[in-house]
Amino acid sequence: MDDQTRIELEAATFRALQEHLMEKRTDVQNIDMMNLAGFCRNCLSRWYQEAANDRGIEMSKTEARELFYGMTMDAWKTNYQTDASDAKQAAFEVAFKENVGDKA
């Protein structure tokens, strides 16, 4: 497979993942994703931001999140985020430290 085809397939895969998380599975909470998989929608938006910045494109965390989420974080939280139990929050602290650390 040539590089251009690989890049196009990777981009299509990313778009499918983004659509799945943002349109089909809005019920899945970021905290649950982080606790189980070690990443969440915010991580994906941060990786998007980092890729842009690595290519000399200035993009803030807020801008990247709005591009990935298709809305502001406040709108996402209002529409889809639910309260997390103390146990989930404690597990998140561990998962965040192990998977994100001081990258956020």
N, C-alpha and C. Protein backbone atom coordinates (compact mmCIF):
# COMPACT_ATOMS: atom_id res chain seq x y z
N MET A 1 0.85 -1.18 0.00
CA MET A 1 0.00 0.00 0.00
C MET A 1 0.89 1.23 0.00
N ASP A 2 0.54 2.19 -0.83
CA ASP A 2 1.34 3.42 -0.89
C ASP A 2 0.98 4.34 0.28
N ASP A 3 1.88 5.28 0.57
CA ASP A 3 1.72 6.17 1.72
C ASP A 3 0.44 7.01 1.64
N GLN A 4 0.11 7.52 0.47
CA GLN A 4 -1.09 8.37 0.35
C GLN A 4 -2.36 7.57 0.66
N THR A 5 -2.44 6.35 0.18
CA THR A 5 -3.60 5.51 0.47
C THR A 5 -3.67 5.21 1.96
N ARG A 6 -2.54 4.90 2.59
CA ARG A 6 -2.50 4.64 4.02
C ARG A 6 -3.00 5.84 4.80
N ILE A 7 -2.53 7.03 4.43
CA ILE A 7 -2.94 8.27 5.10
C ILE A 7 -4.45 8.48 4.94
N GLU A 8 -4.98 8.25 3.76
CA GLU A 8 -6.41 8.42 3.52
C GLU A 8 -7.24 7.43 4.33
N LEU A 9 -6.76 6.19 4.44
CA LEU A 9 -7.45 5.19 5.25
C LEU A 9 -7.40 5.54 6.73
N GLU A 10 -6.25 6.02 7.19
CA GLU A 10 -6.14 6.44 8.59
C GLU A 10 -7.07 7.62 8.88
N ALA A 11 -7.15 8.57 7.96
CA ALA A 11 -8.03 9.72 8.14
C ALA A 11 -9.50 9.28 8.17
N ALA A 12 -9.87 8.36 7.30
CA ALA A 12 -11.24 7.86 7.28
C ALA A 12 -11.56 7.13 8.58
N THR A 13 -10.60 6.39 9.09
CA THR A 13 -10.77 5.68 10.35
C THR A 13 -10.97 6.66 11.49
N PHE A 14 -10.17 7.71 11.53
CA PHE A 14 -10.31 8.74 12.56
C PHE A 14 -11.69 9.38 12.49
N ARG A 15 -12.13 9.72 11.28
CA ARG A 15 -13.45 10.34 11.14
C ARG A 15 -14.56 9.41 11.61
N ALA A 16 -14.42 8.12 11.32
CA ALA A 16 -15.43 7.14 11.78
C ALA A 16 -15.44 7.05 13.30
N LEU A 17 -14.26 7.05 13.92
CA LEU A 17 -14.18 7.01 15.38
C LEU A 17 -14.80 8.27 15.97
N GLN A 18 -14.48 9.41 15.40
CA GLN A 18 -15.04 10.67 15.88
C GLN A 18 -16.57 10.67 15.76
N GLU A 19 -17.09 10.25 14.63
CA GLU A 19 -18.54 10.19 14.44
C GLU A 19 -19.18 9.22 15.44
N HIS A 20 -18.55 8.09 15.64
CA HIS A 20 -19.08 7.10 16.57
C HIS A 20 -19.20 7.68 17.98
N LEU A 21 -18.15 8.35 18.42
CA LEU A 21 -18.14 8.91 19.78
C LEU A 21 -19.01 10.15 19.92
N MET A 22 -19.12 10.94 18.87
CA MET A 22 -19.81 12.22 18.98
C MET A 22 -21.28 12.16 18.57
N GLU A 23 -21.66 11.14 17.79
CA GLU A 23 -23.03 11.08 17.32
C GLU A 23 -23.76 9.81 17.74
N LYS A 24 -23.06 8.70 17.73
CA LYS A 24 -23.72 7.43 18.00
C LYS A 24 -23.64 6.99 19.45
N ARG A 25 -22.59 7.41 20.16
CA ARG A 25 -22.40 6.96 21.54
C ARG A 25 -22.14 8.12 22.49
N THR A 26 -23.01 9.11 22.41
CA THR A 26 -22.89 10.25 23.32
C THR A 26 -23.16 9.83 24.76
N ASP A 27 -23.75 8.64 24.94
CA ASP A 27 -24.03 8.13 26.28
C ASP A 27 -22.78 7.66 27.00
N VAL A 28 -21.73 7.37 26.27
CA VAL A 28 -20.49 6.90 26.89
C VAL A 28 -19.75 8.12 27.45
N GLN A 29 -19.50 8.08 28.73
CA GLN A 29 -18.88 9.20 29.42
C GLN A 29 -17.36 9.18 29.25
N ASN A 30 -16.76 10.37 29.13
CA ASN A 30 -15.31 10.48 29.02
C ASN A 30 -14.61 9.80 30.20
N ILE A 31 -15.16 9.98 31.39
CA ILE A 31 -14.51 9.42 32.58
C ILE A 31 -14.46 7.89 32.49
N ASP A 32 -15.52 7.28 31.94
CA ASP A 32 -15.53 5.82 31.77
C ASP A 32 -14.52 5.39 30.72
N MET A 33 -14.42 6.14 29.64
CA MET A 33 -13.43 5.83 28.60
C MET A 33 -12.02 5.90 29.18
N MET A 34 -11.74 6.96 29.92
CA MET A 34 -10.41 7.13 30.49
C MET A 34 -10.11 6.01 31.48
N ASN A 35 -11.07 5.70 32.32
CA ASN A 35 -10.85 4.67 33.33
C ASN A 35 -10.65 3.30 32.71
N LEU A 36 -11.31 3.01 31.61
CA LEU A 36 -11.21 1.69 30.99
C LEU A 36 -10.13 1.60 29.91
N ALA A 37 -10.00 2.64 29.12
CA ALA A 37 -9.12 2.57 27.95
C ALA A 37 -7.87 3.44 28.04
N GLY A 38 -7.86 4.37 28.99
CA GLY A 38 -6.70 5.24 29.12
C GLY A 38 -6.70 6.44 28.19
N PHE A 39 -7.83 6.68 27.51
CA PHE A 39 -7.98 7.88 26.68
C PHE A 39 -9.47 8.20 26.60
N CYS A 40 -9.76 9.43 26.17
CA CYS A 40 -11.15 9.86 26.02
C CYS A 40 -11.24 10.86 24.89
N ARG A 41 -12.39 11.46 24.73
CA ARG A 41 -12.57 12.46 23.67
C ARG A 41 -11.61 13.62 23.84
N ASN A 42 -11.35 14.03 25.09
CA ASN A 42 -10.42 15.13 25.31
C ASN A 42 -9.01 14.77 24.86
N CYS A 43 -8.62 13.52 25.06
CA CYS A 43 -7.31 13.07 24.59
C CYS A 43 -7.25 13.16 23.07
N LEU A 44 -8.30 12.69 22.40
CA LEU A 44 -8.32 12.75 20.94
C LEU A 44 -8.22 14.19 20.45
N SER A 45 -8.91 15.11 21.11
CA SER A 45 -8.81 16.51 20.70
C SER A 45 -7.42 17.07 20.99
N ARG A 46 -6.79 16.62 22.10
CA ARG A 46 -5.44 17.07 22.41
C ARG A 46 -4.45 16.54 21.37
N TRP A 47 -4.61 15.30 20.96
CA TRP A 47 -3.72 14.73 19.93
C TRP A 47 -3.90 15.48 18.61
N TYR A 48 -5.12 15.90 18.32
CA TYR A 48 -5.40 16.70 17.14
C TYR A 48 -4.66 18.04 17.23
N GLN A 49 -4.75 18.67 18.40
CA GLN A 49 -4.06 19.93 18.63
C GLN A 49 -2.55 19.75 18.50
N GLU A 50 -2.01 18.71 19.11
CA GLU A 50 -0.57 18.47 19.04
C GLU A 50 -0.11 18.24 17.61
N ALA A 51 -0.89 17.51 16.82
CA ALA A 51 -0.54 17.27 15.42
C ALA A 51 -0.53 18.59 14.65
N ALA A 52 -1.51 19.45 14.92
CA ALA A 52 -1.55 20.76 14.27
C ALA A 52 -0.34 21.59 14.68
N ASN A 53 -0.09 21.66 15.98
CA ASN A 53 1.04 22.45 16.48
C ASN A 53 2.37 21.94 15.92
N ASP A 54 2.52 20.61 15.81
CA ASP A 54 3.75 20.03 15.26
C ASP A 54 3.98 20.45 13.81
N ARG A 55 2.90 20.82 13.12
CA ARG A 55 2.99 21.24 11.73
C ARG A 55 2.99 22.76 11.58
N GLY A 56 3.16 23.44 12.71
CA GLY A 56 3.23 24.90 12.68
C GLY A 56 1.88 25.59 12.63
N ILE A 57 0.81 24.86 12.87
CA ILE A 57 -0.53 25.44 12.89
C ILE A 57 -0.88 25.75 14.33
N GLU A 58 -1.10 27.02 14.62
CA GLU A 58 -1.45 27.41 15.98
C GLU A 58 -2.88 26.99 16.27
N MET A 59 -3.05 26.23 17.34
CA MET A 59 -4.37 25.78 17.75
C MET A 59 -4.36 25.62 19.26
N SER A 60 -5.31 26.24 19.91
CA SER A 60 -5.41 26.13 21.37
C SER A 60 -6.18 24.86 21.74
N LYS A 61 -6.12 24.51 23.02
CA LYS A 61 -6.87 23.37 23.51
C LYS A 61 -8.37 23.59 23.29
N THR A 62 -8.83 24.80 23.55
CA THR A 62 -10.24 25.13 23.36
C THR A 62 -10.64 24.98 21.90
N GLU A 63 -9.83 25.48 20.99
CA GLU A 63 -10.13 25.37 19.56
C GLU A 63 -10.17 23.90 19.12
N ALA A 64 -9.21 23.13 19.58
CA ALA A 64 -9.16 21.71 19.21
C ALA A 64 -10.38 20.97 19.73
N ARG A 65 -10.77 21.26 20.95
CA ARG A 65 -11.95 20.59 21.51
C ARG A 65 -13.20 20.96 20.73
N GLU A 66 -13.34 22.22 20.38
CA GLU A 66 -14.52 22.63 19.63
C GLU A 66 -14.55 21.99 18.24
N LEU A 67 -13.38 21.84 17.62
CA LEU A 67 -13.32 21.16 16.33
C LEU A 67 -13.69 19.69 16.47
N PHE A 68 -13.15 19.03 17.49
CA PHE A 68 -13.42 17.60 17.66
C PHE A 68 -14.86 17.36 18.10
N TYR A 69 -15.32 18.11 19.10
CA TYR A 69 -16.66 17.91 19.64
C TYR A 69 -17.76 18.46 18.73
N GLY A 70 -17.41 19.43 17.90
CA GLY A 70 -18.43 20.06 17.07
C GLY A 70 -19.29 21.04 17.85
N MET A 71 -18.83 21.39 19.03
CA MET A 71 -19.55 22.32 19.92
C MET A 71 -18.58 22.73 21.03
N THR A 72 -18.99 23.67 21.84
CA THR A 72 -18.15 24.05 22.97
C THR A 72 -18.19 22.95 24.03
N MET A 73 -17.20 22.94 24.91
CA MET A 73 -17.19 21.98 26.01
C MET A 73 -18.39 22.22 26.93
N ASP A 74 -18.74 23.47 27.14
CA ASP A 74 -19.90 23.77 27.98
C ASP A 74 -21.17 23.16 27.39
N ALA A 75 -21.33 23.25 26.07
CA ALA A 75 -22.50 22.66 25.42
C ALA A 75 -22.48 21.14 25.55
N TRP A 76 -21.30 20.52 25.36
CA TRP A 76 -21.19 19.06 25.50
C TRP A 76 -21.58 18.64 26.92
N LYS A 77 -21.01 19.33 27.89
CA LYS A 77 -21.29 18.97 29.29
C LYS A 77 -22.78 19.12 29.61
N THR A 78 -23.38 20.19 29.14
CA THR A 78 -24.80 20.42 29.38
C THR A 78 -25.65 19.33 28.74
N ASN A 79 -25.31 18.96 27.53
CA ASN A 79 -26.13 18.01 26.77
C ASN A 79 -25.88 16.55 27.11
N TYR A 80 -24.64 16.20 27.48
CA TYR A 80 -24.29 14.78 27.54
C TYR A 80 -23.59 14.30 28.81
N GLN A 81 -22.92 15.18 29.51
CA GLN A 81 -22.13 14.73 30.66
C GLN A 81 -23.01 14.51 31.88
N THR A 82 -22.77 13.41 32.56
CA THR A 82 -23.51 13.11 33.79
C THR A 82 -22.55 13.18 34.97
N ASP A 83 -23.10 13.22 36.17
CA ASP A 83 -22.27 13.25 37.37
C ASP A 83 -21.55 11.91 37.53
N ALA A 84 -20.32 11.98 38.00
CA ALA A 84 -19.53 10.77 38.23
C ALA A 84 -19.45 10.50 39.73
N SER A 85 -19.52 9.23 40.06
CA SER A 85 -19.44 8.83 41.47
C SER A 85 -18.04 9.12 42.01
N ASP A 86 -17.92 9.13 43.31
CA ASP A 86 -16.61 9.32 43.95
C ASP A 86 -15.64 8.23 43.52
N ALA A 87 -16.12 7.00 43.37
CA ALA A 87 -15.26 5.89 42.95
C ALA A 87 -14.74 6.11 41.53
N LYS A 88 -15.61 6.57 40.62
CA LYS A 88 -15.17 6.85 39.25
C LYS A 88 -14.16 7.99 39.23
N GLN A 89 -14.39 9.01 40.05
CA GLN A 89 -13.47 10.14 40.09
C GLN A 89 -12.11 9.71 40.62
N ALA A 90 -12.09 8.84 41.62
CA ALA A 90 -10.82 8.34 42.17
C ALA A 90 -10.08 7.51 41.13
N ALA A 91 -10.81 6.65 40.41
CA ALA A 91 -10.19 5.84 39.36
C ALA A 91 -9.66 6.73 38.24
N PHE A 92 -10.39 7.82 37.96
CA PHE A 92 -9.95 8.75 36.92
C PHE A 92 -8.62 9.40 37.29
N GLU A 93 -8.46 9.79 38.54
CA GLU A 93 -7.21 10.41 38.98
C GLU A 93 -6.02 9.49 38.66
N VAL A 94 -6.18 8.20 38.92
CA VAL A 94 -5.12 7.23 38.66
C VAL A 94 -4.92 7.08 37.15
N ALA A 95 -6.01 6.89 36.41
CA ALA A 95 -5.92 6.70 34.96
C ALA A 95 -5.31 7.92 34.28
N PHE A 96 -5.72 9.10 34.71
CA PHE A 96 -5.20 10.33 34.12
C PHE A 96 -3.70 10.43 34.35
N LYS A 97 -3.27 10.19 35.58
CA LYS A 97 -1.86 10.28 35.92
C LYS A 97 -1.04 9.28 35.09
N GLU A 98 -1.55 8.06 34.95
CA GLU A 98 -0.84 7.01 34.23
C GLU A 98 -0.80 7.25 32.72
N ASN A 99 -1.86 7.81 32.16
CA ASN A 99 -1.97 7.92 30.72
C ASN A 99 -1.74 9.29 30.14
N VAL A 100 -1.97 10.33 30.92
CA VAL A 100 -1.82 11.68 30.42
C VAL A 100 -0.71 12.42 31.15
N GLY A 101 -0.69 12.27 32.47
CA GLY A 101 0.33 12.96 33.27
C GLY A 101 0.21 14.44 33.12
N ASP A 102 1.34 15.06 32.84
CA ASP A 102 1.37 16.51 32.72
C ASP A 102 1.28 16.98 31.28
N LYS A 103 0.79 16.13 30.37
CA LYS A 103 0.63 16.50 28.96
C LYS A 103 -0.59 17.39 28.74
N ALA A 104 -1.55 17.31 29.64
CA ALA A 104 -2.80 18.04 29.45
C ALA A 104 -2.56 19.47 29.64
